Amino acid sequence: MSANILLVDDSPTVRNILKIYLMNLKMGFVEAEDATRALQLLRLVPVKLVIADINMPGMDGITFVKQVRTSPMLAAVRDVPVILLTGERGGDLRQRGVEAGANSFINKPVSHNDLTETVRKLLAQN
């Protein structure tokens, strides 16, 4: 079973940047342009980590994390680490993300070092 990182962002450019930054991890990537598709993929594809934008059309990243953590249909991936991408620096948004079950946050624009360090740390913990 291959290890995958699920990338969830409505921007293909952001997803491509994430893949470029993380390609040295020698993992596969699964992509979704919205949270609804990401929830479907989590039931179908083995995933070791999720990186999702906090601001997406339809379901936002916080609601997405709540679904991952509480849905009976996603019990197999309930503990998979989730990183939320955000351009907002406000503490309230991050607090709501933590309460929903997010493991970490990465600021947009994404820094190569911040992303790779955070991903490696979370993968090592699981």
C-alpha atoms as a PDB file:
ATOM      1  CA  MET A   1       0.000   0.000   0.000  1.00  0.00           C
ATOM      2  CA  SER A   2       1.569   3.283  -1.049  1.00  0.00           C
ATOM      3  CA  ALA A   3       1.647   6.278   1.249  1.00  0.00           C
ATOM      4  CA  ASN A   4      -0.096   9.372  -0.043  1.00  0.00           C
ATOM      5  CA  ILE A   5      -0.548  12.985   0.897  1.00  0.00           C
ATOM      6  CA  LEU A   6      -3.980  14.412   0.077  1.00  0.00           C
ATOM      7  CA  LEU A   7      -3.791  17.990  -1.218  1.00  0.00           C
ATOM      8  CA  VAL A   8      -7.070  19.932  -1.037  1.00  0.00           C
ATOM      9  CA  ASP A   9      -7.186  23.384  -2.622  1.00  0.00           C
ATOM     10  CA  ASP A  10      -9.345  24.910  -5.324  1.00  0.00           C
ATOM     11  CA  SER A  11      -6.193  26.317  -6.949  1.00  0.00           C
ATOM     12  CA  PRO A  12      -4.243  23.884  -9.161  1.00  0.00           C
ATOM     13  CA  THR A  13      -1.284  26.269  -8.848  1.00  0.00           C
ATOM     14  CA  VAL A  14      -1.206  25.903  -5.060  1.00  0.00           C
ATOM     15  CA  ARG A  15      -1.506  22.113  -5.338  1.00  0.00           C
ATOM     16  CA  ASN A  16       1.402  22.056  -7.805  1.00  0.00           C
ATOM     17  CA  ILE A  17       3.565  24.213  -5.531  1.00  0.00           C
ATOM     18  CA  LEU A  18       2.860  21.857  -2.624  1.00  0.00           C
ATOM     19  CA  LYS A  19       3.850  18.848  -4.746  1.00  0.00           C
ATOM     20  CA  ILE A  20       7.082  20.517  -5.853  1.00  0.00           C
ATOM     21  CA  TYR A  21       7.985  21.448  -2.273  1.00  0.00           C
ATOM     22  CA  LEU A  22       7.251  17.930  -0.995  1.00  0.00           C
ATOM     23  CA  MET A  23       8.583  15.791  -3.843  1.00  0.00           C
ATOM     24  CA  ASN A  24      11.705  14.812  -1.872  1.00  0.00           C
ATOM     25  CA  LEU A  25       9.505  12.891   0.579  1.00  0.00           C
ATOM     26  CA  LYS A  26       9.049  10.131  -2.030  1.00  0.00           C
ATOM     27  CA  MET A  27       5.314   9.900  -1.362  1.00  0.00           C
ATOM     28  CA  GLY A  28       2.391   9.864  -3.719  1.00  0.00           C
ATOM     29  CA  PHE A  29      -0.071  12.699  -4.026  1.00  0.00           C
ATOM     30  CA  VAL A  30      -3.832  12.628  -4.302  1.00  0.00           C
ATOM     31  CA  GLU A  31      -5.565  15.872  -5.233  1.00  0.00           C
ATOM     32  CA  ALA A  32      -8.996  17.344  -4.681  1.00  0.00           C
ATOM     33  CA  GLU A  33     -10.221  20.788  -5.661  1.00  0.00           C
ATOM     34  CA  ASP A  34     -12.830  20.883  -2.925  1.00  0.00           C
ATOM     35  CA  ALA A  35     -13.576  19.369   0.470  1.00  0.00           C
ATOM     36  CA  THR A  36     -16.485  17.249  -0.745  1.00  0.00           C
ATOM     37  CA  ARG A  37     -14.244  15.426  -3.227  1.00  0.00           C
ATOM     38  CA  ALA A  38     -11.538  15.132  -0.567  1.00  0.00           C
ATOM     39  CA  LEU A  39     -13.957  13.373   1.791  1.00  0.00           C
ATOM     40  CA  GLN A  40     -14.783  10.908  -0.990  1.00  0.00           C
ATOM     41  CA  LEU A  41     -11.097  10.241  -1.646  1.00  0.00           C
ATOM     42  CA  LEU A  42     -10.415   9.621   2.039  1.00  0.00           C
ATOM     43  CA  ARG A  43     -12.751   6.626   1.838  1.00  0.00           C
ATOM     44  CA  LEU A  44     -11.034   5.250  -1.276  1.00  0.00           C
ATOM     45  CA  VAL A  45      -7.312   5.985  -1.124  1.00  0.00           C
ATOM     46  CA  PRO A  46      -4.735   5.291   1.605  1.00  0.00           C
ATOM     47  CA  VAL A  47      -3.621   8.660   3.003  1.00  0.00           C
ATOM     48  CA  LYS A  48      -0.936   9.427   5.606  1.00  0.00           C
ATOM     49  CA  LEU A  49      -1.461  13.208   5.791  1.00  0.00           C
ATOM     50  CA  VAL A  50      -3.875  15.877   4.522  1.00  0.00           C
ATOM     51  CA  ILE A  51      -3.049  19.463   3.561  1.00  0.00           C
ATOM     52  CA  ALA A  52      -6.185  21.546   2.997  1.00  0.00           C
ATOM     53  CA  ASP A  53      -6.908  25.202   2.360  1.00  0.00           C
ATOM     54  CA  ILE A  54      -8.964  26.758   5.127  1.00  0.00           C
ATOM     55  CA  ASN A  55     -10.929  28.899   2.633  1.00  0.00           C
ATOM     56  CA  MET A  56     -12.567  26.785  -0.046  1.00  0.00           C
ATOM     57  CA  PRO A  57     -15.796  27.111  -1.984  1.00  0.00           C
ATOM     58  CA  GLY A  58     -18.605  25.063  -0.496  1.00  0.00           C
ATOM     59  CA  MET A  59     -17.252  23.430   2.635  1.00  0.00           C
ATOM     60  CA  ASP A  60     -14.438  25.363   4.355  1.00  0.00           C
ATOM     61  CA  GLY A  61     -11.347  23.721   5.839  1.00  0.00           C
ATOM     62  CA  ILE A  62     -12.614  23.854   9.423  1.00  0.00           C
ATOM     63  CA  THR A  63     -15.842  22.052   8.533  1.00  0.00           C
ATOM     64  CA  PHE A  64     -13.788  19.576   6.492  1.00  0.00           C
ATOM     65  CA  VAL A  65     -11.572  18.771   9.500  1.00  0.00           C
ATOM     66  CA  LYS A  66     -14.658  18.300  11.690  1.00  0.00           C
ATOM     67  CA  GLN A  67     -15.995  15.803   9.155  1.00  0.00           C
ATOM     68  CA  VAL A  68     -12.697  13.900   9.069  1.00  0.00           C
ATOM     69  CA  ARG A  69     -12.596  13.702  12.860  1.00  0.00           C
ATOM     70  CA  THR A  70     -16.235  12.746  13.463  1.00  0.00           C
ATOM     71  CA  SER A  71     -17.736  10.964  10.451  1.00  0.00           C
ATOM     72  CA  PRO A  72     -18.376   7.250  11.081  1.00  0.00           C
ATOM     73  CA  MET A  73     -17.599   6.638   7.394  1.00  0.00           C
ATOM     74  CA  LEU A  74     -14.079   8.015   7.926  1.00  0.00           C
ATOM     75  CA  ALA A  75     -13.171   6.110  11.091  1.00  0.00           C
ATOM     76  CA  ALA A  76     -10.116   4.569   9.364  1.00  0.00           C
ATOM     77  CA  VAL A  77      -8.563   7.998   8.775  1.00  0.00           C
ATOM     78  CA  ARG A  78      -9.842   9.789  11.865  1.00  0.00           C
ATOM     79  CA  ASP A  79      -6.306  10.225  13.255  1.00  0.00           C
ATOM     80  CA  VAL A  80      -4.589  11.214  10.003  1.00  0.00           C
ATOM     81  CA  PRO A  81      -2.785  14.536  10.552  1.00  0.00           C
ATOM     82  CA  VAL A  82      -4.419  17.549   8.892  1.00  0.00           C
ATOM     83  CA  ILE A  83      -2.554  20.757   8.089  1.00  0.00           C
ATOM     84  CA  LEU A  84      -4.650  23.809   7.215  1.00  0.00           C
ATOM     85  CA  LEU A  85      -3.325  26.445   4.823  1.00  0.00           C
ATOM     86  CA  THR A  86      -4.372  29.987   5.640  1.00  0.00           C
ATOM     87  CA  GLY A  87      -3.638  33.518   4.541  1.00  0.00           C
ATOM     88  CA  GLU A  88      -5.277  34.850   7.689  1.00  0.00           C
ATOM     89  CA  ARG A  89      -3.120  35.513  10.730  1.00  0.00           C
ATOM     90  CA  GLY A  90      -5.958  35.884  13.229  1.00  0.00           C
ATOM     91  CA  GLY A  91      -5.935  33.750  16.338  1.00  0.00           C
ATOM     92  CA  ASP A  92      -9.712  33.149  16.297  1.00  0.00           C
ATOM     93  CA  LEU A  93      -9.594  31.265  13.012  1.00  0.00           C
ATOM     94  CA  ARG A  94      -6.688  29.141  14.189  1.00  0.00           C
ATOM     95  CA  GLN A  95      -8.421  28.456  17.491  1.00  0.00           C
ATOM     96  CA  ARG A  96     -11.493  27.208  15.643  1.00  0.00           C
ATOM     97  CA  GLY A  97      -9.233  25.018  13.504  1.00  0.00           C
ATOM     98  CA  VAL A  98      -7.563  23.489  16.559  1.00  0.00           C
ATOM     99  CA  GLU A  99     -10.948  22.869  18.170  1.00  0.00           C
ATOM    100  CA  ALA A 100     -12.071  21.123  14.967  1.00  0.00           C
ATOM    101  CA  GLY A 101      -9.043  18.835  15.095  1.00  0.00           C
ATOM    102  CA  ALA A 102      -6.393  20.425  12.856  1.00  0.00           C
ATOM    103  CA  ASN A 103      -2.859  19.378  13.762  1.00  0.00           C
ATOM    104  CA  SER A 104      -1.026  22.394  12.356  1.00  0.00           C
ATOM    105  CA  PHE A 105      -1.255  25.504  10.182  1.00  0.00           C
ATOM    106  CA  ILE A 106       0.891  26.781   7.337  1.00  0.00           C
ATOM    107  CA  ASN A 107       0.711  30.434   6.313  1.00  0.00           C
ATOM    108  CA  LYS A 108       0.079  31.407   2.720  1.00  0.00           C
ATOM    109  CA  PRO A 109       2.102  32.166   0.728  1.00  0.00           C
ATOM    110  CA  VAL A 110       3.579  28.774   1.589  1.00  0.00           C
ATOM    111  CA  SER A 111       7.233  28.663   2.615  1.00  0.00           C
ATOM    112  CA  HIS A 112       9.167  25.596   1.452  1.00  0.00           C
ATOM    113  CA  ASN A 113      10.943  25.218   4.802  1.00  0.00           C
ATOM    114  CA  ASP A 114       7.825  25.674   6.951  1.00  0.00           C
ATOM    115  CA  LEU A 115       5.905  23.162   4.871  1.00  0.00           C
ATOM    116  CA  THR A 116       8.551  20.443   4.743  1.00  0.00           C
ATOM    117  CA  GLU A 117       9.442  20.757   8.441  1.00  0.00           C
ATOM    118  CA  THR A 118       5.787  20.577   9.498  1.00  0.00           C
ATOM    119  CA  VAL A 119       5.011  17.631   7.211  1.00  0.00           C
ATOM    120  CA  ARG A 120       8.080  15.664   8.331  1.00  0.00           C
ATOM    121  CA  LYS A 121       7.293  16.286  11.991  1.00  0.00           C
ATOM    122  CA  LEU A 122       3.685  15.131  11.647  1.00  0.00           C
ATOM    123  CA  LEU A 123       4.605  12.057   9.580  1.00  0.00           C
ATOM    124  CA  ALA A 124       7.231  11.069  12.158  1.00  0.00           C
ATOM    125  CA  GLN A 125       4.610  11.220  14.920  1.00  0.00           C
ATOM    126  CA  ASN A 126       2.304   8.777  13.119  1.00  0.00           C
END
